[in-house]
Each structure stands twice: as C-alpha cells, then as structure tokens.
Amino acid sequence: MVVIVTTVVLVVSLINAWRATRDPAPTLSEEDRRVLYQSNLRNFAESCEGRAADTENRGLHDFCRKQAQLLRLLSECDADCQRRTASFAASDPSK
C-alpha cells in the first residue's frame, strides 16, 4: 500500500512540475492571460518581426528569442503566433 501511495504522489508531482514549466503564468485569470499575450505579441511584433536576419544587435536578438519562447509557452499562441515566432524560438546556440 505504501508503494502505491508513493507512486501516485510521485506521478502527480511530476505532472504538476511538467505543467508548471509549460505555463509561465498559471495563476492569472483568462482575461489577464489574454492581456499578457496580446501585450507580448505586440511588443514582439514592434521590436522583432522583420529583424530575424539582423545579427548586428546581439542584445535585441537575445531579447527577441526570449520573447518568442515566452509567447510559445502561452496557450494563446496559435498557429499564426507559432509561425511568427519560429525564426527566434530556436534554442540559444551558445548554450
């Protein structure tokens, strides 16, 4: 019985940990999540889109990569969002 309870607790803990890594804002309301998503997408569009090939400004490129990765973690990031952030969403090659 102890083994079963321990296994269940471990599985539930692992599932919750995985979900926490997939959702950067688990306690936000739907409205707040929508506002966060729209704000970050607008910021990404204004600062990053059309600059994927701009390697002159490494800081901007790093910012855009992090912004894209955050957007892709949000459930609101649909197919269009995935497409728009694809050029920056790859892992940092220096790590």
PDB file of N, CA and C in Angstrom:
ATOM      1  N   MET A   1       0.824  -1.196   0.000  1.00  0.00           N
ATOM      2  CA  MET A   1       0.000   0.000   0.000  1.00  0.00           C
ATOM      3  C   MET A   1       0.873   1.267   0.000  1.00  0.00           C
ATOM      4  N   VAL A   2       1.938   1.252   0.754  1.00  0.00           N
ATOM      5  CA  VAL A   2       2.849   2.397   0.817  1.00  0.00           C
ATOM      6  C   VAL A   2       3.473   2.667  -0.553  1.00  0.00           C
ATOM      7  N   VAL A   3       3.818   1.607  -1.248  1.00  0.00           N
ATOM      8  CA  VAL A   3       4.415   1.749  -2.579  1.00  0.00           C
ATOM      9  C   VAL A   3       3.416   2.380  -3.547  1.00  0.00           C
ATOM     10  N   ILE A   4       2.176   1.994  -3.476  1.00  0.00           N
ATOM     11  CA  ILE A   4       1.142   2.537  -4.360  1.00  0.00           C
ATOM     12  C   ILE A   4       0.941   4.031  -4.074  1.00  0.00           C
ATOM     13  N   VAL A   5       0.811   4.387  -2.812  1.00  0.00           N
ATOM     14  CA  VAL A   5       0.614   5.790  -2.442  1.00  0.00           C
ATOM     15  C   VAL A   5       1.827   6.621  -2.860  1.00  0.00           C
ATOM     16  N   THR A   6       3.000   6.108  -2.615  1.00  0.00           N
ATOM     17  CA  THR A   6       4.226   6.812  -3.004  1.00  0.00           C
ATOM     18  C   THR A   6       4.288   7.007  -4.514  1.00  0.00           C
ATOM     19  N   THR A   7       3.928   5.995  -5.261  1.00  0.00           N
ATOM     20  CA  THR A   7       3.932   6.077  -6.718  1.00  0.00           C
ATOM     21  C   THR A   7       2.930   7.115  -7.208  1.00  0.00           C
ATOM     22  N   VAL A   8       1.735   7.117  -6.649  1.00  0.00           N
ATOM     23  CA  VAL A   8       0.707   8.083  -7.043  1.00  0.00           C
ATOM     24  C   VAL A   8       1.178   9.511  -6.734  1.00  0.00           C
ATOM     25  N   VAL A   9       1.728   9.712  -5.557  1.00  0.00           N
ATOM     26  CA  VAL A   9       2.217  11.040  -5.170  1.00  0.00           C
ATOM     27  C   VAL A   9       3.342  11.483  -6.111  1.00  0.00           C
ATOM     28  N   LEU A  10       4.223  10.595  -6.436  1.00  0.00           N
ATOM     29  CA  LEU A  10       5.326  10.907  -7.342  1.00  0.00           C
ATOM     30  C   LEU A  10       4.814  11.267  -8.739  1.00  0.00           C
ATOM     31  N   VAL A  11       3.880  10.508  -9.256  1.00  0.00           N
ATOM     32  CA  VAL A  11       3.325  10.774 -10.586  1.00  0.00           C
ATOM     33  C   VAL A  11       2.606  12.121 -10.604  1.00  0.00           C
ATOM     34  N   VAL A  12       1.794  12.383  -9.602  1.00  0.00           N
ATOM     35  CA  VAL A  12       1.078  13.658  -9.525  1.00  0.00           C
ATOM     36  C   VAL A  12       2.069  14.817  -9.423  1.00  0.00           C
ATOM     37  N   SER A  13       3.113  14.661  -8.640  1.00  0.00           N
ATOM     38  CA  SER A  13       4.130  15.708  -8.506  1.00  0.00           C
ATOM     39  C   SER A  13       4.840  15.974  -9.831  1.00  0.00           C
ATOM     40  N   LEU A  14       5.172  14.921 -10.539  1.00  0.00           N
ATOM     41  CA  LEU A  14       5.839  15.074 -11.831  1.00  0.00           C
ATOM     42  C   LEU A  14       4.937  15.758 -12.850  1.00  0.00           C
ATOM     43  N   ILE A  15       3.664  15.390 -12.857  1.00  0.00           N
ATOM     44  CA  ILE A  15       2.713  16.024 -13.777  1.00  0.00           C
ATOM     45  C   ILE A  15       2.582  17.508 -13.456  1.00  0.00           C
ATOM     46  N   ASN A  16       2.471  17.848 -12.192  1.00  0.00           N
ATOM     47  CA  ASN A  16       2.359  19.257 -11.801  1.00  0.00           C
ATOM     48  C   ASN A  16       3.628  20.028 -12.141  1.00  0.00           C
ATOM     49  N   ALA A  17       4.772  19.421 -11.947  1.00  0.00           N
ATOM     50  CA  ALA A  17       6.041  20.077 -12.296  1.00  0.00           C
ATOM     51  C   ALA A  17       6.127  20.318 -13.793  1.00  0.00           C
ATOM     52  N   TRP A  18       5.708  19.342 -14.586  1.00  0.00           N
ATOM     53  CA  TRP A  18       5.719  19.499 -16.040  1.00  0.00           C
ATOM     54  C   TRP A  18       4.782  20.612 -16.472  1.00  0.00           C
ATOM     55  N   ARG A  19       3.601  20.660 -15.895  1.00  0.00           N
ATOM     56  CA  ARG A  19       2.635  21.711 -16.228  1.00  0.00           C
ATOM     57  C   ARG A  19       3.182  23.084 -15.865  1.00  0.00           C
ATOM     58  N   ALA A  20       3.874  23.172 -14.738  1.00  0.00           N
ATOM     59  CA  ALA A  20       4.436  24.452 -14.309  1.00  0.00           C
ATOM     60  C   ALA A  20       5.482  24.962 -15.291  1.00  0.00           C
ATOM     61  N   THR A  21       6.215  24.065 -15.923  1.00  0.00           N
ATOM     62  CA  THR A  21       7.208  24.503 -16.904  1.00  0.00           C
ATOM     63  C   THR A  21       6.559  24.895 -18.216  1.00  0.00           C
ATOM     64  N   ARG A  22       5.362  24.434 -18.479  1.00  0.00           N
ATOM     65  CA  ARG A  22       4.657  24.745 -19.718  1.00  0.00           C
ATOM     66  C   ARG A  22       3.800  26.002 -19.603  1.00  0.00           C
ATOM     67  N   ASP A  23       3.500  26.449 -18.413  1.00  0.00           N
ATOM     68  CA  ASP A  23       2.632  27.602 -18.226  1.00  0.00           C
ATOM     69  C   ASP A  23       3.355  28.644 -17.384  1.00  0.00           C
ATOM     70  N   PRO A  24       3.829  29.727 -18.001  1.00  0.00           N
ATOM     71  CA  PRO A  24       4.588  30.724 -17.254  1.00  0.00           C
ATOM     72  C   PRO A  24       3.738  31.583 -16.317  1.00  0.00           C
ATOM     73  N   ALA A  25       2.423  31.509 -16.432  1.00  0.00           N
ATOM     74  CA  ALA A  25       1.545  32.336 -15.604  1.00  0.00           C
ATOM     75  C   ALA A  25       0.331  31.540 -15.155  1.00  0.00           C
ATOM     76  N   PRO A  26       0.523  30.503 -14.345  1.00  0.00           N
ATOM     77  CA  PRO A  26      -0.595  29.620 -14.004  1.00  0.00           C
ATOM     78  C   PRO A  26      -1.671  30.248 -13.133  1.00  0.00           C
ATOM     79  N   THR A  27      -1.370  31.314 -12.419  1.00  0.00           N
ATOM     80  CA  THR A  27      -2.365  31.890 -11.515  1.00  0.00           C
ATOM     81  C   THR A  27      -3.133  33.061 -12.110  1.00  0.00           C
ATOM     82  N   LEU A  28      -2.816  33.437 -13.331  1.00  0.00           N
ATOM     83  CA  LEU A  28      -3.527  34.554 -13.950  1.00  0.00           C
ATOM     84  C   LEU A  28      -4.913  34.132 -14.432  1.00  0.00           C
ATOM     85  N   SER A  29      -5.829  35.080 -14.362  1.00  0.00           N
ATOM     86  CA  SER A  29      -7.173  34.832 -14.895  1.00  0.00           C
ATOM     87  C   SER A  29      -7.094  34.783 -16.423  1.00  0.00           C
ATOM     88  N   GLU A  30      -8.159  34.306 -17.054  1.00  0.00           N
ATOM     89  CA  GLU A  30      -8.189  34.250 -18.521  1.00  0.00           C
ATOM     90  C   GLU A  30      -7.995  35.625 -19.127  1.00  0.00           C
ATOM     91  N   GLU A  31      -8.637  36.613 -18.561  1.00  0.00           N
ATOM     92  CA  GLU A  31      -8.523  37.986 -19.063  1.00  0.00           C
ATOM     93  C   GLU A  31      -7.087  38.493 -18.923  1.00  0.00           C
ATOM     94  N   ASP A  32      -6.481  38.259 -17.769  1.00  0.00           N
ATOM     95  CA  ASP A  32      -5.100  38.700 -17.565  1.00  0.00           C
ATOM     96  C   ASP A  32      -4.134  37.973 -18.498  1.00  0.00           C
ATOM     97  N   ARG A  33      -4.381  36.694 -18.732  1.00  0.00           N
ATOM     98  CA  ARG A  33      -3.538  35.927 -19.665  1.00  0.00           C
ATOM     99  C   ARG A  33      -3.665  36.481 -21.080  1.00  0.00           C
ATOM    100  N   ARG A  34      -4.887  36.823 -21.473  1.00  0.00           N
ATOM    101  CA  ARG A  34      -5.115  37.386 -22.801  1.00  0.00           C
ATOM    102  C   ARG A  34      -4.377  38.718 -22.946  1.00  0.00           C
ATOM    103  N   VAL A  35      -4.462  39.563 -21.915  1.00  0.00           N
ATOM    104  CA  VAL A  35      -3.777  40.858 -21.937  1.00  0.00           C
ATOM    105  C   VAL A  35      -2.263  40.651 -21.994  1.00  0.00           C
ATOM    106  N   LEU A  36      -1.739  39.726 -21.199  1.00  0.00           N
ATOM    107  CA  LEU A  36      -0.308  39.411 -21.216  1.00  0.00           C
ATOM    108  C   LEU A  36       0.120  38.947 -22.598  1.00  0.00           C
ATOM    109  N   TYR A  37      -0.645  38.041 -23.179  1.00  0.00           N
ATOM    110  CA  TYR A  37      -0.324  37.522 -24.507  1.00  0.00           C
ATOM    111  C   TYR A  37      -0.336  38.638 -25.543  1.00  0.00           C
ATOM    112  N   GLN A  38      -1.406  39.425 -25.563  1.00  0.00           N
ATOM    113  CA  GLN A  38      -1.520  40.487 -26.566  1.00  0.00           C
ATOM    114  C   GLN A  38      -0.413  41.526 -26.411  1.00  0.00           C
ATOM    115  N   SER A  39      -0.081  41.863 -25.179  1.00  0.00           N
ATOM    116  CA  SER A  39       0.984  42.829 -24.928  1.00  0.00           C
ATOM    117  C   SER A  39       2.334  42.297 -25.408  1.00  0.00           C
ATOM    118  N   ASN A  40       2.630  41.042 -25.081  1.00  0.00           N
ATOM    119  CA  ASN A  40       3.901  40.452 -25.501  1.00  0.00           C
ATOM    120  C   ASN A  40       3.961  40.260 -27.010  1.00  0.00           C
ATOM    121  N   LEU A  41       2.851  39.891 -27.625  1.00  0.00           N
ATOM    122  CA  LEU A  41       2.833  39.722 -29.076  1.00  0.00           C
ATOM    123  C   LEU A  41       3.031  41.067 -29.774  1.00  0.00           C
ATOM    124  N   ARG A  42       2.387  42.107 -29.260  1.00  0.00           N
ATOM    125  CA  ARG A  42       2.555  43.447 -29.837  1.00  0.00           C
ATOM    126  C   ARG A  42       4.010  43.908 -29.678  1.00  0.00           C
ATOM    127  N   ASN A  43       4.585  43.685 -28.509  1.00  0.00           N
ATOM    128  CA  ASN A  43       5.979  44.036 -28.250  1.00  0.00           C
ATOM    129  C   ASN A  43       6.908  43.270 -29.189  1.00  0.00           C
ATOM    130  N   PHE A  44       6.632  41.986 -29.368  1.00  0.00           N
ATOM    131  CA  PHE A  44       7.431  41.157 -30.281  1.00  0.00           C
ATOM    132  C   PHE A  44       7.317  41.691 -31.709  1.00  0.00           C
ATOM    133  N   ALA A  45       6.101  42.003 -32.127  1.00  0.00           N
ATOM    134  CA  ALA A  45       5.888  42.494 -33.491  1.00  0.00           C
ATOM    135  C   ALA A  45       6.640  43.800 -33.731  1.00  0.00           C
ATOM    136  N   GLU A  46       6.563  44.713 -32.770  1.00  0.00           N
ATOM    137  CA  GLU A  46       7.199  46.020 -32.935  1.00  0.00           C
ATOM    138  C   GLU A  46       8.720  45.952 -32.856  1.00  0.00           C
ATOM    139  N   SER A  47       9.240  45.084 -32.004  1.00  0.00           N
ATOM    140  CA  SER A  47      10.681  45.043 -31.771  1.00  0.00           C
ATOM    141  C   SER A  47      11.426  44.009 -32.596  1.00  0.00           C
ATOM    142  N   CYS A  48      10.750  42.935 -32.995  1.00  0.00           N
ATOM    143  CA  CYS A  48      11.470  41.784 -33.525  1.00  0.00           C
ATOM    144  C   CYS A  48      11.124  41.391 -34.947  1.00  0.00           C
ATOM    145  N   GLU A  49       9.872  41.442 -35.314  1.00  0.00           N
ATOM    146  CA  GLU A  49       9.492  40.960 -36.644  1.00  0.00           C
ATOM    147  C   GLU A  49      10.194  41.765 -37.731  1.00  0.00           C
ATOM    148  N   GLY A  50      10.685  41.063 -38.715  1.00  0.00           N
ATOM    149  CA  GLY A  50      11.418  41.699 -39.795  1.00  0.00           C
ATOM    150  C   GLY A  50      12.886  41.912 -39.485  1.00  0.00           C
ATOM    151  N   ARG A  51      13.310  41.518 -38.299  1.00  0.00           N
ATOM    152  CA  ARG A  51      14.702  41.705 -37.899  1.00  0.00           C
ATOM    153  C   ARG A  51      15.396  40.372 -37.626  1.00  0.00           C
ATOM    154  N   ALA A  52      14.831  39.291 -38.115  1.00  0.00           N
ATOM    155  CA  ALA A  52      15.391  37.971 -37.850  1.00  0.00           C
ATOM    156  C   ALA A  52      16.819  37.846 -38.347  1.00  0.00           C
ATOM    157  N   ALA A  53      17.133  38.514 -39.428  1.00  0.00           N
ATOM    158  CA  ALA A  53      18.478  38.408 -40.005  1.00  0.00           C
ATOM    159  C   ALA A  53      19.436  39.448 -39.435  1.00  0.00           C
ATOM    160  N   ASP A  54      18.942  40.337 -38.598  1.00  0.00           N
ATOM    161  CA  ASP A  54      19.785  41.394 -38.040  1.00  0.00           C
ATOM    162  C   ASP A  54      20.667  40.836 -36.927  1.00  0.00           C
ATOM    163  N   THR A  55      21.883  40.506 -37.265  1.00  0.00           N
ATOM    164  CA  THR A  55      22.821  39.965 -36.272  1.00  0.00           C
ATOM    165  C   THR A  55      23.704  41.058 -35.697  1.00  0.00           C
ATOM    166  N   GLU A  56      23.510  42.293 -36.160  1.00  0.00           N
ATOM    167  CA  GLU A  56      24.307  43.421 -35.680  1.00  0.00           C
ATOM    168  C   GLU A  56      24.038  43.695 -34.197  1.00  0.00           C
ATOM    169  N   ASN A  57      22.797  43.552 -33.786  1.00  0.00           N
ATOM    170  CA  ASN A  57      22.415  43.880 -32.419  1.00  0.00           C
ATOM    171  C   ASN A  57      22.113  42.596 -31.652  1.00  0.00           C
ATOM    172  N   ARG A  58      23.140  42.029 -31.034  1.00  0.00           N
ATOM    173  CA  ARG A  58      23.013  40.752 -30.317  1.00  0.00           C
ATOM    174  C   ARG A  58      22.023  40.848 -29.155  1.00  0.00           C
ATOM    175  N   GLY A  59      22.001  41.992 -28.480  1.00  0.00           N
ATOM    176  CA  GLY A  59      21.080  42.172 -27.357  1.00  0.00           C
ATOM    177  C   GLY A  59      19.631  42.110 -27.798  1.00  0.00           C
ATOM    178  N   LEU A  60      19.336  42.741 -28.925  1.00  0.00           N
ATOM    179  CA  LEU A  60      17.973  42.695 -29.454  1.00  0.00           C
ATOM    180  C   LEU A  60      17.607  41.279 -29.871  1.00  0.00           C
ATOM    181  N   HIS A  61      18.552  40.591 -30.486  1.00  0.00           N
ATOM    182  CA  HIS A  61      18.298  39.217 -30.906  1.00  0.00           C
ATOM    183  C   HIS A  61      18.001  38.324 -29.693  1.00  0.00           C
ATOM    184  N   ASP A  62      18.763  38.482 -28.625  1.00  0.00           N
ATOM    185  CA  ASP A  62      18.524  37.700 -27.396  1.00  0.00           C
ATOM    186  C   ASP A  62      17.160  38.023 -26.801  1.00  0.00           C
ATOM    187  N   PHE A  63      16.812  39.322 -26.775  1.00  0.00           N
ATOM    188  CA  PHE A  63      15.514  39.739 -26.274  1.00  0.00           C
ATOM    189  C   PHE A  63      14.396  39.087 -27.083  1.00  0.00           C
ATOM    190  N   CYS A  64      14.541  39.123 -28.410  1.00  0.00           N
ATOM    191  CA  CYS A  64      13.507  38.574 -29.289  1.00  0.00           C
ATOM    192  C   CYS A  64      13.382  37.061 -29.120  1.00  0.00           C
ATOM    193  N   ARG A  65      14.496  36.387 -28.927  1.00  0.00           N
ATOM    194  CA  ARG A  65      14.468  34.937 -28.714  1.00  0.00           C
ATOM    195  C   ARG A  65      13.714  34.608 -27.433  1.00  0.00           C
ATOM    196  N   LYS A  66      13.990  35.341 -26.369  1.00  0.00           N
ATOM    197  CA  LYS A  66      13.308  35.106 -25.090  1.00  0.00           C
ATOM    198  C   LYS A  66      11.823  35.448 -25.196  1.00  0.00           C
ATOM    199  N   GLN A  67      11.523  36.526 -25.896  1.00  0.00           N
ATOM    200  CA  GLN A  67      10.125  36.931 -26.099  1.00  0.00           C
ATOM    201  C   GLN A  67       9.373  35.848 -26.869  1.00  0.00           C
ATOM    202  N   ALA A  68       9.997  35.316 -27.905  1.00  0.00           N
ATOM    203  CA  ALA A  68       9.368  34.259 -28.713  1.00  0.00           C
ATOM    204  C   ALA A  68       9.143  33.004 -27.882  1.00  0.00           C
ATOM    205  N   GLN A  69      10.120  32.642 -27.075  1.00  0.00           N
ATOM    206  CA  GLN A  69       9.976  31.450 -26.241  1.00  0.00           C
ATOM    207  C   GLN A  69       8.852  31.629 -25.218  1.00  0.00           C
ATOM    208  N   LEU A  70       8.740  32.815 -24.632  1.00  0.00           N
ATOM    209  CA  LEU A  70       7.650  33.084 -23.692  1.00  0.00           C
ATOM    210  C   LEU A  70       6.302  32.998 -24.390  1.00  0.00           C
ATOM    211  N   LEU A  71       6.191  33.635 -25.538  1.00  0.00           N
ATOM    212  CA  LEU A  71       4.927  33.594 -26.276  1.00  0.00           C
ATOM    213  C   LEU A  71       4.511  32.166 -26.581  1.00  0.00           C
ATOM    214  N   ARG A  72       5.461  31.334 -26.986  1.00  0.00           N
ATOM    215  CA  ARG A  72       5.146  29.954 -27.345  1.00  0.00           C
ATOM    216  C   ARG A  72       4.722  29.111 -26.138  1.00  0.00           C
ATOM    217  N   LEU A  73       5.081  29.534 -24.936  1.00  0.00           N
ATOM    218  CA  LEU A  73       4.638  28.813 -23.741  1.00  0.00           C
ATOM    219  C   LEU A  73       3.175  29.101 -23.407  1.00  0.00           C
ATOM    220  N   LEU A  74       2.683  30.242 -23.819  1.00  0.00           N
ATOM    221  CA  LEU A  74       1.301  30.603 -23.521  1.00  0.00           C
ATOM    222  C   LEU A  74       0.346  29.837 -24.420  1.00  0.00           C
ATOM    223  N   SER A  75      -0.716  29.327 -23.840  1.00  0.00           N
ATOM    224  CA  SER A  75      -1.682  28.532 -24.607  1.00  0.00           C
ATOM    225  C   SER A  75      -2.381  29.363 -25.683  1.00  0.00           C
ATOM    226  N   GLU A  76      -2.364  30.674 -25.538  1.00  0.00           N
ATOM    227  CA  GLU A  76      -2.984  31.553 -26.518  1.00  0.00           C
ATOM    228  C   GLU A  76      -2.189  31.631 -27.824  1.00  0.00           C
ATOM    229  N   CYS A  77      -0.963  31.168 -27.817  1.00  0.00           N
ATOM    230  CA  CYS A  77      -0.109  31.236 -29.005  1.00  0.00           C
ATOM    231  C   CYS A  77      -0.583  30.194 -30.016  1.00  0.00           C
ATOM    232  N   ASP A  78      -1.371  30.669 -30.989  1.00  0.00           N
ATOM    233  CA  ASP A  78      -1.963  29.791 -32.001  1.00  0.00           C
ATOM    234  C   ASP A  78      -0.966  29.528 -33.137  1.00  0.00           C
ATOM    235  N   ALA A  79      -1.451  28.933 -34.213  1.00  0.00           N
ATOM    236  CA  ALA A  79      -0.580  28.579 -35.339  1.00  0.00           C
ATOM    237  C   ALA A  79       0.087  29.817 -35.941  1.00  0.00           C
ATOM    238  N   ASP A  80      -0.644  30.918 -36.027  1.00  0.00           N
ATOM    239  CA  ASP A  80      -0.064  32.155 -36.563  1.00  0.00           C
ATOM    240  C   ASP A  80       1.054  32.653 -35.649  1.00  0.00           C
ATOM    241  N   CYS A  81       0.824  32.624 -34.369  1.00  0.00           N
ATOM    242  CA  CYS A  81       1.837  33.022 -33.390  1.00  0.00           C
ATOM    243  C   CYS A  81       3.062  32.114 -33.495  1.00  0.00           C
ATOM    244  N   GLN A  82       2.838  30.818 -33.610  1.00  0.00           N
ATOM    245  CA  GLN A  82       3.946  29.863 -33.744  1.00  0.00           C
ATOM    246  C   GLN A  82       4.772  30.184 -34.993  1.00  0.00           C
ATOM    247  N   ARG A  83       4.084  30.496 -36.083  1.00  0.00           N
ATOM    248  CA  ARG A  83       4.776  30.824 -37.337  1.00  0.00           C
ATOM    249  C   ARG A  83       5.571  32.115 -37.196  1.00  0.00           C
ATOM    250  N   ARG A  84       4.957  33.119 -36.584  1.00  0.00           N
ATOM    251  CA  ARG A  84       5.606  34.423 -36.443  1.00  0.00           C
ATOM    252  C   ARG A  84       6.825  34.380 -35.541  1.00  0.00           C
ATOM    253  N   THR A  85       6.832  33.514 -34.562  1.00  0.00           N
ATOM    254  CA  THR A  85       7.946  33.447 -33.604  1.00  0.00           C
ATOM    255  C   THR A  85       8.980  32.387 -33.959  1.00  0.00           C
ATOM    256  N   ALA A  86       8.734  31.624 -35.005  1.00  0.00           N
ATOM    257  CA  ALA A  86       9.593  30.480 -35.333  1.00  0.00           C
ATOM    258  C   ALA A  86      11.046  30.859 -35.552  1.00  0.00           C
ATOM    259  N   SER A  87      11.315  31.984 -36.190  1.00  0.00           N
ATOM    260  CA  SER A  87      12.703  32.332 -36.503  1.00  0.00           C
ATOM    261  C   SER A  87      13.525  32.652 -35.258  1.00  0.00           C
ATOM    262  N   PHE A  88      12.860  33.006 -34.153  1.00  0.00           N
ATOM    263  CA  PHE A  88      13.564  33.327 -32.922  1.00  0.00           C
ATOM    264  C   PHE A  88      13.428  32.255 -31.850  1.00  0.00           C
ATOM    265  N   ALA A  89      12.537  31.280 -32.053  1.00  0.00           N
ATOM    266  CA  ALA A  89      12.194  30.351 -30.986  1.00  0.00           C
ATOM    267  C   ALA A  89      13.219  29.238 -30.773  1.00  0.00           C
ATOM    268  N   ALA A  90      14.142  29.071 -31.674  1.00  0.00           N
ATOM    269  CA  ALA A  90      15.154  28.008 -31.519  1.00  0.00           C
ATOM    270  C   ALA A  90      15.976  28.283 -30.260  1.00  0.00           C
ATOM    271  N   SER A  91      16.509  27.243 -29.698  1.00  0.00           N
ATOM    272  CA  SER A  91      17.338  27.359 -28.509  1.00  0.00           C
ATOM    273  C   SER A  91      18.541  28.243 -28.784  1.00  0.00           C
ATOM    274  N   ASP A  92      19.048  28.827 -27.732  1.00  0.00           N
ATOM    275  CA  ASP A  92      20.252  29.637 -27.844  1.00  0.00           C
ATOM    276  C   ASP A  92      21.425  28.744 -28.207  1.00  0.00           C
ATOM    277  N   PRO A  93      22.038  28.953 -29.359  1.00  0.00           N
ATOM    278  CA  PRO A  93      23.113  28.067 -29.788  1.00  0.00           C
ATOM    279  C   PRO A  93      24.366  28.139 -28.913  1.00  0.00           C
ATOM    280  N   SER A  94      24.484  29.175 -28.098  1.00  0.00           N
ATOM    281  CA  SER A  94      25.670  29.310 -27.251  1.00  0.00           C
ATOM    282  C   SER A  94      25.562  28.481 -25.983  1.00  0.00           C
ATOM    283  N   LYS A  95      24.397  27.878 -25.745  1.00  0.00           N
ATOM    284  CA  LYS A  95      24.213  27.107 -24.505  1.00  0.00           C
ATOM    285  C   LYS A  95      24.113  25.639 -24.778  1.00  0.00           C
TER     286      LYS A  95
END
